[in-house]
């Protein structure tokens, strides 16, 4: 993989030079929300693109079952195992931080099927490739559609004691959002993933897998969050959102170069 990583340096440099719209937003992220100086912020843009390219390659290698040198460290594996033992399925809420899908070793250890929920236009070519290489393995893609068919697909998967992964740091125009303080300023978070989790009443874990070195990933799975019978849906939705925002902020402070969210997240 080292030759491929070397080639990715040139790919990252191209994106560093040309897509000014996304670079502007990621510059503001480093400059104003992490407080880096102007020069350091520009250098961080290139580093961010390079790590992003690495994670895409890592994801394909792991999910295709290609022999590799990756090693993993797990914090919270017992929480995911508790979900599997419960027999009701569960929801994993994550973000565009690191590359938790590359922790494929964890999926094999759990011996359970996982369903990644994503927008139809999100990384379309990569999604199609992953579907072709994973085939009937333990990863499935559920597309979010206007007809709400994805909600029924999620419900069916949970009935089979499968896991659902939702990303909760990106939204499409027209989606319901709520403002939360994030890295020193008000940011918009989508309500959908949290309302959906509240509706199904299954265990929820906040998960991340961040790249700590060239071939090493660190997986994090939070303690389980559950909605009690007495807790109103809006209250649980708000509680779940608050926990997610807090944990996301912690992770991007530890791994600032590994948040791959290339739009104006703090726009009003």
Protein backbone atom coordinates (compact mmCIF):
# COMPACT_ATOMS: atom_id res chain seq x y z
CA UNK A 1 0.00 0.00 0.00
CA UNK A 2 2.95 2.34 0.42
CA UNK A 3 3.24 3.06 -3.35
CA UNK A 4 -0.47 3.87 -3.42
CA UNK A 5 -0.07 6.23 -0.45
CA UNK A 6 2.75 7.98 -2.32
CA UNK A 7 0.51 8.55 -5.36
CA UNK A 8 -2.19 9.92 -3.08
CA UNK A 9 0.14 12.79 -2.15
CA UNK A 10 -0.25 14.14 -5.69
CA UNK A 11 -4.00 13.61 -5.65
CA UNK A 12 -4.25 15.51 -2.37
CA UNK A 13 -2.09 18.31 -3.76
CA UNK A 14 -4.42 18.68 -6.76
CA UNK A 15 -7.45 19.06 -4.47
CA UNK A 16 -5.44 21.41 -2.27
CA UNK A 17 -4.92 23.71 -5.26
CA UNK A 18 -8.21 23.63 -7.15
CA UNK A 19 -11.53 23.04 -5.30
CA UNK A 20 -11.49 26.47 -3.66
CA UNK A 21 -15.03 26.21 -2.29
CA UNK A 22 -14.37 23.23 -0.03
CA UNK A 23 -10.87 24.48 0.82
CA UNK A 24 -12.32 27.79 2.01
CA UNK A 25 -14.61 26.07 4.49
CA UNK A 26 -11.98 23.68 5.80
CA UNK A 27 -9.58 26.65 6.14
CA UNK A 28 -12.14 28.46 8.28
CA UNK A 29 -12.53 25.29 10.34
CA UNK A 30 -8.80 25.22 11.16
CA UNK A 31 -8.32 28.99 11.35
CA UNK A 32 -11.29 30.09 13.42
CA UNK A 33 -12.54 26.99 15.23
CA UNK A 34 -9.18 25.50 16.17
CA UNK A 35 -7.39 28.85 16.36
CA UNK A 36 -4.44 27.95 14.11
CA UNK A 37 -2.47 30.69 12.39
CA UNK A 38 -3.00 31.40 8.65
CA UNK A 39 0.06 29.46 7.40
CA UNK A 40 -0.58 26.48 9.65
CA UNK A 41 -4.24 26.44 8.58
CA UNK A 42 -3.28 26.25 4.89
CA UNK A 43 -0.86 23.41 5.59
CA UNK A 44 -3.59 21.61 7.52
CA UNK A 45 -5.85 21.74 4.43
CA UNK A 46 -3.36 19.66 2.45
CA UNK A 47 -2.90 17.26 5.37
CA UNK A 48 -6.67 16.89 5.65
CA UNK A 49 -7.04 16.01 1.95
CA UNK A 50 -4.16 13.54 2.12
CA UNK A 51 -5.56 11.69 5.13
CA UNK A 52 -9.01 11.68 3.52
CA UNK A 53 -7.56 10.02 0.42
CA UNK A 54 -5.81 7.45 2.63
CA UNK A 55 -9.03 6.60 4.45
CA UNK A 56 -10.88 6.03 1.17
CA UNK A 57 -8.17 3.61 0.05
CA UNK A 58 -8.11 1.92 3.46
CA UNK A 59 -11.89 1.50 3.35
CA UNK A 60 -11.80 -0.24 -0.02
CA UNK A 61 -8.92 -2.52 1.02
CA UNK A 62 -10.60 -3.62 4.25
CA UNK A 63 -14.13 -4.03 2.93
CA UNK A 64 -12.92 -5.92 -0.14
CA UNK A 65 -11.07 -8.38 2.08
CA UNK A 66 -7.67 -7.57 0.59
CA UNK A 67 -4.73 -8.72 2.73
CA UNK A 68 -3.36 -5.76 4.70
CA UNK A 69 -1.22 -4.69 7.65
CA UNK A 70 -3.86 -2.81 9.62
CA UNK A 71 -3.96 -3.09 13.39
CA UNK A 72 -6.76 -1.93 15.68
CA UNK A 73 -7.31 -0.73 19.21
CA UNK A 74 -10.84 -0.96 20.62
CA UNK A 75 -12.42 1.17 23.32
CA UNK A 76 -16.02 0.17 23.93
CA UNK A 77 -16.19 -3.13 22.06
CA UNK A 78 -18.18 -4.53 24.96
CA UNK A 79 -20.91 -1.96 24.28
CA UNK A 80 -21.42 -3.20 20.73
CA UNK A 81 -21.39 -6.79 21.91
CA UNK A 82 -24.10 -5.90 24.41
CA UNK A 83 -26.24 -4.63 21.52
CA UNK A 84 -25.79 -7.92 19.66
CA UNK A 85 -26.64 -9.96 22.76
CA UNK A 86 -29.82 -7.93 23.27
CA UNK A 87 -31.35 -9.37 20.10
CA UNK A 88 -33.15 -6.16 19.08
CA UNK A 89 -30.48 -4.68 16.85
CA UNK A 90 -29.02 -1.28 17.50
CA UNK A 91 -28.01 2.05 16.02
CA UNK A 92 -24.47 3.37 15.73
CA UNK A 93 -24.31 7.14 15.29
CA UNK A 94 -21.10 8.41 13.76
CA UNK A 95 -19.74 11.35 11.80
CA UNK A 96 -17.42 12.08 8.88
CA UNK A 97 -14.48 11.75 11.26
CA UNK A 98 -11.71 9.26 10.64
CA UNK A 99 -12.83 6.09 8.90
CA UNK A 100 -14.83 3.85 11.16
CA UNK A 101 -15.89 1.60 8.25
CA UNK A 102 -12.24 0.58 7.93
CA UNK A 103 -12.50 -1.08 11.32
CA UNK A 104 -13.75 -4.10 9.41
CA UNK A 105 -11.97 -6.36 11.86
CA UNK A 106 -14.47 -5.21 14.48
CA UNK A 107 -17.37 -6.19 12.21
CA UNK A 108 -15.94 -9.68 11.82
CA UNK A 109 -15.46 -10.02 15.57
CA UNK A 110 -19.09 -9.09 16.19
CA UNK A 111 -20.28 -11.57 13.55
CA UNK A 112 -23.19 -9.32 12.73
CA UNK A 113 -24.47 -7.53 9.64
CA UNK A 114 -24.17 -3.76 9.54
CA UNK A 115 -26.20 -1.37 7.40
CA UNK A 116 -24.66 1.98 6.46
CA UNK A 117 -27.30 4.63 5.78
CA UNK A 118 -26.26 7.35 3.33
CA UNK A 119 -27.64 9.83 0.85
CA UNK A 120 -27.96 8.60 -2.72
CA UNK A 121 -25.57 11.20 -4.09
CA UNK A 122 -22.96 10.87 -1.36
CA UNK A 123 -19.70 9.48 -2.73
CA UNK A 124 -21.75 7.73 -5.44
CA UNK A 125 -18.88 6.02 -7.26
CA UNK A 126 -17.31 4.81 -4.01
CA UNK A 127 -20.64 3.50 -2.79
CA UNK A 128 -21.16 1.54 -6.01
CA UNK A 129 -17.67 0.08 -5.76
CA UNK A 130 -18.13 -0.94 -2.14
CA UNK A 131 -21.40 -2.66 -3.00
CA UNK A 132 -19.65 -4.60 -5.77
CA UNK A 133 -16.71 -5.74 -3.67
CA UNK A 134 -18.61 -6.53 -0.48
CA UNK A 135 -21.35 -8.49 -2.22
CA UNK A 136 -23.10 -10.72 0.29
CA UNK A 137 -20.69 -9.93 3.12
CA UNK A 138 -21.62 -8.26 6.36
CA UNK A 139 -21.97 -4.69 5.03
CA UNK A 140 -25.08 -3.33 3.33
CA UNK A 141 -25.88 0.17 2.04
CA UNK A 142 -29.31 1.69 2.68
CA UNK A 143 -30.02 4.78 0.59
CA UNK A 144 -32.03 7.68 2.01
CA UNK A 145 -34.91 8.41 -0.36
CA UNK A 146 -37.85 10.82 -0.43
CA UNK A 147 -40.38 7.96 -0.31
CA UNK A 148 -39.11 6.96 3.19
CA UNK A 149 -38.37 3.43 1.98
CA UNK A 150 -35.13 3.65 3.95
CA UNK A 151 -37.13 3.80 7.20
CA UNK A 152 -38.80 0.47 6.41
CA UNK A 153 -35.43 -1.02 5.42
CA UNK A 154 -33.95 0.10 8.75
CA UNK A 155 -36.88 -1.40 10.64
CA UNK A 156 -36.50 -4.74 8.86
CA UNK A 157 -32.76 -4.80 9.59
CA UNK A 158 -33.33 -4.12 13.30
CA UNK A 159 -35.88 -6.94 13.47
CA UNK A 160 -33.08 -9.24 12.27
CA UNK A 161 -30.82 -7.99 15.10
CA UNK A 162 -28.61 -6.11 12.64
CA UNK A 163 -26.74 -2.86 13.25
CA UNK A 164 -27.56 0.48 11.63
CA UNK A 165 -24.93 3.18 11.16
CA UNK A 166 -26.07 6.79 10.72
CA UNK A 167 -23.87 9.82 10.11
CA UNK A 168 -25.18 12.85 11.99
CA UNK A 169 -22.92 15.73 10.96
CA UNK A 170 -24.27 16.41 7.47
CA UNK A 171 -27.67 17.26 6.03
CA UNK A 172 -29.34 18.06 2.74
CA UNK A 173 -31.17 21.29 1.95
CA UNK A 174 -34.64 21.23 3.46
CA UNK A 175 -33.78 18.84 6.30
CA UNK A 176 -34.79 19.82 9.82
CA UNK A 177 -31.83 21.09 11.84
CA UNK A 178 -31.14 22.42 15.30
CA UNK A 179 -28.43 24.78 16.51
CA UNK A 180 -25.82 23.60 18.98
CA UNK A 181 -22.62 25.23 20.19
CA UNK A 182 -19.76 23.41 18.48
CA UNK A 183 -16.11 24.48 18.62
CA UNK A 184 -17.02 27.92 19.88
CA UNK A 185 -19.88 28.84 17.55
CA UNK A 186 -23.47 27.86 16.76
CA UNK A 187 -23.61 25.06 14.17
CA UNK A 188 -26.50 23.27 12.49
CA UNK A 189 -27.01 19.57 13.21
CA UNK A 190 -29.59 17.39 11.45
CA UNK A 191 -32.48 16.21 13.60
CA UNK A 192 -33.31 13.20 11.44
CA UNK A 193 -30.77 10.65 12.78
CA UNK A 194 -31.71 11.40 16.38
CA UNK A 195 -35.48 11.38 15.82
CA UNK A 196 -35.11 8.10 13.94
CA UNK A 197 -33.12 6.58 16.79
CA UNK A 198 -35.74 7.73 19.29
CA UNK A 199 -38.55 6.19 17.25
CA UNK A 200 -37.10 2.66 17.13
CA UNK A 201 -36.32 2.42 20.87
CA UNK A 202 -33.18 0.32 20.36
CA UNK A 203 -29.77 0.79 22.01
CA UNK A 204 -27.59 3.55 20.56
CA UNK A 205 -23.82 3.93 20.66
CA UNK A 206 -21.77 6.88 19.41
CA UNK A 207 -18.89 5.43 17.40
CA UNK A 208 -15.71 6.69 15.75
CA UNK A 209 -12.61 5.04 14.29
CA UNK A 210 -9.66 7.37 13.83
CA UNK A 211 -6.40 6.77 12.04
CA UNK A 212 -3.53 7.04 14.53
CA UNK A 213 -0.68 5.98 12.26
CA UNK A 214 -0.20 4.67 8.74
CA UNK A 215 -1.69 1.23 9.47
CA UNK A 216 -3.31 1.64 12.89
CA UNK A 217 -6.89 2.60 13.78
CA UNK A 218 -8.42 3.39 17.15
CA UNK A 219 -12.10 2.50 17.54
CA UNK A 220 -14.36 4.20 20.07
CA UNK A 221 -17.84 2.99 21.03
CA UNK A 222 -19.70 4.92 23.72
CA UNK A 223 -21.74 3.42 26.51
CA UNK A 224 -25.25 2.60 25.35
CA UNK A 225 -27.99 5.20 25.33
CA UNK A 226 -31.56 3.98 25.78
CA UNK A 227 -34.93 5.68 25.77
CA UNK A 228 -36.98 4.72 28.79
CA UNK A 229 -40.70 4.03 28.54
CA UNK A 230 -41.47 7.25 30.41
CA UNK A 231 -39.12 9.52 28.41
CA UNK A 232 -40.90 11.60 25.74
CA UNK A 233 -39.45 11.32 22.25
CA UNK A 234 -38.42 15.03 22.03
CA UNK A 235 -36.57 14.79 25.36
CA UNK A 236 -34.64 11.69 24.33
CA UNK A 237 -33.90 13.19 20.90
CA UNK A 238 -32.43 16.27 22.56
CA UNK A 239 -30.42 14.17 25.04
CA UNK A 240 -29.02 11.98 22.27
CA UNK A 241 -28.09 15.02 20.18
CA UNK A 242 -26.32 16.66 23.13
CA UNK A 243 -24.24 13.55 23.82
CA UNK A 244 -23.30 13.25 20.15
CA UNK A 245 -22.25 16.90 19.83
CA UNK A 246 -20.14 16.64 22.99
CA UNK A 247 -18.37 13.48 21.81
CA UNK A 248 -17.88 14.78 18.27
CA UNK A 249 -16.25 17.92 19.63
CA UNK A 250 -13.93 15.82 21.79
CA UNK A 251 -12.84 13.73 18.81
CA UNK A 252 -12.18 16.61 16.40
CA UNK A 253 -10.06 18.26 19.07
CA UNK A 254 -7.93 15.12 19.35
CA UNK A 255 -7.96 14.39 15.58
CA UNK A 256 -8.50 17.83 13.96
CA UNK A 257 -7.18 16.74 10.55
CA UNK A 258 -9.66 13.86 10.31
CA UNK A 259 -12.96 15.72 10.09
CA UNK A 260 -13.98 15.47 6.44
CA UNK A 261 -16.91 17.87 6.28
CA UNK A 262 -16.40 20.18 3.33
CA UNK A 263 -19.25 22.64 3.60
CA UNK A 264 -20.15 25.69 5.68
CA UNK A 265 -21.11 23.84 8.82
CA UNK A 266 -21.53 27.03 10.85
CA UNK A 267 -23.80 28.77 8.34
CA UNK A 268 -26.98 30.24 9.84
